[in-house]
Amino acid sequence: MARIAGVNIPTNKRVEIALRYIHGIGPAKAKEICEQVSILPERRVSELTDAEVLQIREVIDRDHMVEGDLRRDVAVNIKRLMDLGNYRGLRHRRGLPVRGQRTHTNARTRKGPAKPIAGKKK
């Protein structure tokens, strides 16, 4: 099992797909990494040599922000918004949708399970 950026990537999947298991790498970045290292995206992770895995690891460390650094950066950005007290920061603080979605109905992912209101019947 190859370990890249602190993540065990699955060995039986294609390289292009397996790289997506790393937080911060999606389809476009995975394809770009494969091109930089000149590995065919159709190859399986189990078929890679140690040198190729090392090359992938070096490219990711050098050119991309992934995993812990990326999570920390996002958390700092959200904390900055909350400290400023602007609208987006207040929505984050209250646990409501940030990007203008309706909350009269729906928004259960952000708001959590529905809370019953005492005495309300309709």
C-alpha atoms as a PDB file:
ATOM      1  CA  MET A   1       0.000   0.000   0.000  1.00  0.00           C
ATOM      2  CA  ALA A   2       1.508   3.330  -1.087  1.00  0.00           C
ATOM      3  CA  ARG A   3       1.557   6.143   1.458  1.00  0.00           C
ATOM      4  CA  ILE A   4       1.488   9.646  -0.003  1.00  0.00           C
ATOM      5  CA  ALA A   5       0.962  12.865   2.007  1.00  0.00           C
ATOM      6  CA  GLY A   6       0.079  10.845   5.098  1.00  0.00           C
ATOM      7  CA  VAL A   7      -2.684   8.903   3.332  1.00  0.00           C
ATOM      8  CA  ASN A   8      -2.672   5.216   2.412  1.00  0.00           C
ATOM      9  CA  ILE A   9      -3.903   5.197  -1.161  1.00  0.00           C
ATOM     10  CA  PRO A  10      -5.597   1.993  -2.411  1.00  0.00           C
ATOM     11  CA  THR A  11      -3.339  -0.293  -4.417  1.00  0.00           C
ATOM     12  CA  ASN A  12      -5.888  -1.914  -6.710  1.00  0.00           C
ATOM     13  CA  LYS A  13      -7.205   1.347  -8.224  1.00  0.00           C
ATOM     14  CA  ARG A  14      -5.882   3.370 -11.149  1.00  0.00           C
ATOM     15  CA  VAL A  15      -3.322   6.038 -10.201  1.00  0.00           C
ATOM     16  CA  GLU A  16      -5.578   8.877 -11.341  1.00  0.00           C
ATOM     17  CA  ILE A  17      -8.415   7.643  -9.105  1.00  0.00           C
ATOM     18  CA  ALA A  18      -6.230   6.657  -6.127  1.00  0.00           C
ATOM     19  CA  LEU A  19      -4.660  10.129  -5.886  1.00  0.00           C
ATOM     20  CA  ARG A  20      -8.134  11.579  -5.266  1.00  0.00           C
ATOM     21  CA  TYR A  21      -8.155   9.908  -1.834  1.00  0.00           C
ATOM     22  CA  ILE A  22      -5.809  12.699  -0.729  1.00  0.00           C
ATOM     23  CA  HIS A  23      -7.696  15.733   0.600  1.00  0.00           C
ATOM     24  CA  GLY A  24      -7.098  18.619  -1.804  1.00  0.00           C
ATOM     25  CA  ILE A  25      -6.551  16.551  -4.958  1.00  0.00           C
ATOM     26  CA  GLY A  26      -9.458  16.214  -7.343  1.00  0.00           C
ATOM     27  CA  PRO A  27      -9.789  14.952 -10.912  1.00  0.00           C
ATOM     28  CA  ALA A  28      -7.923  17.843 -12.567  1.00  0.00           C
ATOM     29  CA  LYS A  29      -4.992  17.887 -10.139  1.00  0.00           C
ATOM     30  CA  ALA A  30      -4.682  14.094 -10.248  1.00  0.00           C
ATOM     31  CA  LYS A  31      -4.438  14.211 -14.043  1.00  0.00           C
ATOM     32  CA  GLU A  32      -1.922  17.070 -13.862  1.00  0.00           C
ATOM     33  CA  ILE A  33       0.261  15.149 -11.379  1.00  0.00           C
ATOM     34  CA  CYS A  34       0.230  12.067 -13.626  1.00  0.00           C
ATOM     35  CA  GLU A  35       1.349  14.216 -16.574  1.00  0.00           C
ATOM     36  CA  GLN A  36       4.141  15.895 -14.561  1.00  0.00           C
ATOM     37  CA  VAL A  37       5.533  12.546 -13.442  1.00  0.00           C
ATOM     38  CA  SER A  38       4.837  11.052 -16.911  1.00  0.00           C
ATOM     39  CA  ILE A  39       2.850   8.096 -15.602  1.00  0.00           C
ATOM     40  CA  LEU A  40      -0.070   6.753 -17.597  1.00  0.00           C
ATOM     41  CA  PRO A  41      -3.226   7.401 -15.537  1.00  0.00           C
ATOM     42  CA  GLU A  42      -4.550   3.940 -16.504  1.00  0.00           C
ATOM     43  CA  ARG A  43      -1.780   2.152 -14.578  1.00  0.00           C
ATOM     44  CA  ARG A  44      -2.616   0.632 -11.216  1.00  0.00           C
ATOM     45  CA  VAL A  45      -0.938   1.789  -8.008  1.00  0.00           C
ATOM     46  CA  SER A  46       0.295  -1.761  -7.414  1.00  0.00           C
ATOM     47  CA  GLU A  47       2.218  -1.573 -10.720  1.00  0.00           C
ATOM     48  CA  LEU A  48       4.167   1.561  -9.704  1.00  0.00           C
ATOM     49  CA  THR A  49       7.804   1.295  -8.732  1.00  0.00           C
ATOM     50  CA  ASP A  50       9.152   2.844  -5.528  1.00  0.00           C
ATOM     51  CA  ALA A  51      10.903   5.528  -7.589  1.00  0.00           C
ATOM     52  CA  GLU A  52       7.623   6.532  -9.267  1.00  0.00           C
ATOM     53  CA  VAL A  53       5.828   6.713  -5.916  1.00  0.00           C
ATOM     54  CA  LEU A  54       8.687   8.869  -4.614  1.00  0.00           C
ATOM     55  CA  GLN A  55       8.365  11.160  -7.668  1.00  0.00           C
ATOM     56  CA  ILE A  56       4.616  11.547  -7.068  1.00  0.00           C
ATOM     57  CA  ARG A  57       5.254  12.303  -3.390  1.00  0.00           C
ATOM     58  CA  GLU A  58       7.854  14.977  -4.278  1.00  0.00           C
ATOM     59  CA  VAL A  59       5.578  16.664  -6.844  1.00  0.00           C
ATOM     60  CA  ILE A  60       2.703  16.810  -4.364  1.00  0.00           C
ATOM     61  CA  ASP A  61       4.912  18.154  -1.556  1.00  0.00           C
ATOM     62  CA  ARG A  62       6.476  20.777  -3.827  1.00  0.00           C
ATOM     63  CA  ASP A  63       3.495  22.042  -5.848  1.00  0.00           C
ATOM     64  CA  HIS A  64       0.256  21.328  -3.990  1.00  0.00           C
ATOM     65  CA  MET A  65      -1.272  22.189  -0.615  1.00  0.00           C
ATOM     66  CA  VAL A  66      -2.936  19.019   0.670  1.00  0.00           C
ATOM     67  CA  GLU A  67      -4.236  17.308   3.823  1.00  0.00           C
ATOM     68  CA  GLY A  68      -3.309  18.987   7.129  1.00  0.00           C
ATOM     69  CA  ASP A  69      -1.975  22.242   5.675  1.00  0.00           C
ATOM     70  CA  LEU A  70      -5.071  22.686   3.500  1.00  0.00           C
ATOM     71  CA  ARG A  71      -7.486  21.868   6.346  1.00  0.00           C
ATOM     72  CA  ARG A  72      -5.648  24.303   8.648  1.00  0.00           C
ATOM     73  CA  ASP A  73      -5.731  27.036   5.975  1.00  0.00           C
ATOM     74  CA  VAL A  74      -9.489  26.606   5.445  1.00  0.00           C
ATOM     75  CA  ALA A  75     -10.106  26.652   9.220  1.00  0.00           C
ATOM     76  CA  VAL A  76      -8.064  29.855   9.591  1.00  0.00           C
ATOM     77  CA  ASN A  77     -10.006  31.501   6.751  1.00  0.00           C
ATOM     78  CA  ILE A  78     -13.342  30.588   8.376  1.00  0.00           C
ATOM     79  CA  LYS A  79     -12.113  31.809  11.790  1.00  0.00           C
ATOM     80  CA  ARG A  80     -11.030  35.103  10.197  1.00  0.00           C
ATOM     81  CA  LEU A  81     -14.526  35.607   8.762  1.00  0.00           C
ATOM     82  CA  MET A  82     -16.064  34.849  12.157  1.00  0.00           C
ATOM     83  CA  ASP A  83     -13.730  37.280  13.951  1.00  0.00           C
ATOM     84  CA  LEU A  84     -14.502  40.048  11.455  1.00  0.00           C
ATOM     85  CA  GLY A  85     -18.181  39.586  12.196  1.00  0.00           C
ATOM     86  CA  ASN A  86     -19.264  39.945   8.593  1.00  0.00           C
ATOM     87  CA  TYR A  87     -22.335  38.178   7.199  1.00  0.00           C
ATOM     88  CA  ARG A  88     -20.536  35.010   6.111  1.00  0.00           C
ATOM     89  CA  GLY A  89     -18.794  34.801   9.479  1.00  0.00           C
ATOM     90  CA  LEU A  90     -22.106  35.110  11.337  1.00  0.00           C
ATOM     91  CA  ARG A  91     -23.630  32.333   9.202  1.00  0.00           C
ATOM     92  CA  HIS A  92     -20.655  30.078  10.013  1.00  0.00           C
ATOM     93  CA  ARG A  93     -20.959  30.910  13.714  1.00  0.00           C
ATOM     94  CA  ARG A  94     -24.685  30.088  13.793  1.00  0.00           C
ATOM     95  CA  GLY A  95     -24.270  26.914  11.743  1.00  0.00           C
ATOM     96  CA  LEU A  96     -26.517  28.085   8.915  1.00  0.00           C
ATOM     97  CA  PRO A  97     -25.947  27.913   5.149  1.00  0.00           C
ATOM     98  CA  VAL A  98     -23.357  30.464   4.054  1.00  0.00           C
ATOM     99  CA  ARG A  99     -23.989  30.816   0.342  1.00  0.00           C
ATOM    100  CA  GLY A 100     -27.517  32.180   0.135  1.00  0.00           C
ATOM    101  CA  GLN A 101     -29.567  28.986   0.245  1.00  0.00           C
ATOM    102  CA  ARG A 102     -33.088  29.068   1.671  1.00  0.00           C
ATOM    103  CA  THR A 103     -33.592  28.004   5.280  1.00  0.00           C
ATOM    104  CA  HIS A 104     -37.386  28.121   5.670  1.00  0.00           C
ATOM    105  CA  THR A 105     -37.433  24.525   4.505  1.00  0.00           C
ATOM    106  CA  ASN A 106     -34.428  22.303   3.792  1.00  0.00           C
ATOM    107  CA  ALA A 107     -30.912  23.222   5.037  1.00  0.00           C
ATOM    108  CA  ARG A 108     -31.051  20.190   7.357  1.00  0.00           C
ATOM    109  CA  THR A 109     -27.427  19.292   6.649  1.00  0.00           C
ATOM    110  CA  ARG A 110     -26.207  22.562   8.178  1.00  0.00           C
ATOM    111  CA  LYS A 111     -28.938  23.030  10.808  1.00  0.00           C
ATOM    112  CA  GLY A 112     -28.990  19.450  12.068  1.00  0.00           C
ATOM    113  CA  PRO A 113     -32.099  17.392  12.849  1.00  0.00           C
ATOM    114  CA  ALA A 114     -35.404  19.237  13.215  1.00  0.00           C
ATOM    115  CA  LYS A 115     -36.160  20.447  16.736  1.00  0.00           C
ATOM    116  CA  PRO A 116     -39.830  20.194  17.793  1.00  0.00           C
ATOM    117  CA  ILE A 117     -41.498  23.409  18.924  1.00  0.00           C
ATOM    118  CA  ALA A 118     -43.760  23.048  21.967  1.00  0.00           C
ATOM    119  CA  GLY A 119     -47.401  23.996  21.414  1.00  0.00           C
ATOM    120  CA  LYS A 120     -47.159  24.371  17.652  1.00  0.00           C
ATOM    121  CA  LYS A 121     -49.857  22.444  15.782  1.00  0.00           C
ATOM    122  CA  LYS A 122     -50.893  22.818  12.203  1.00  0.00           C
END
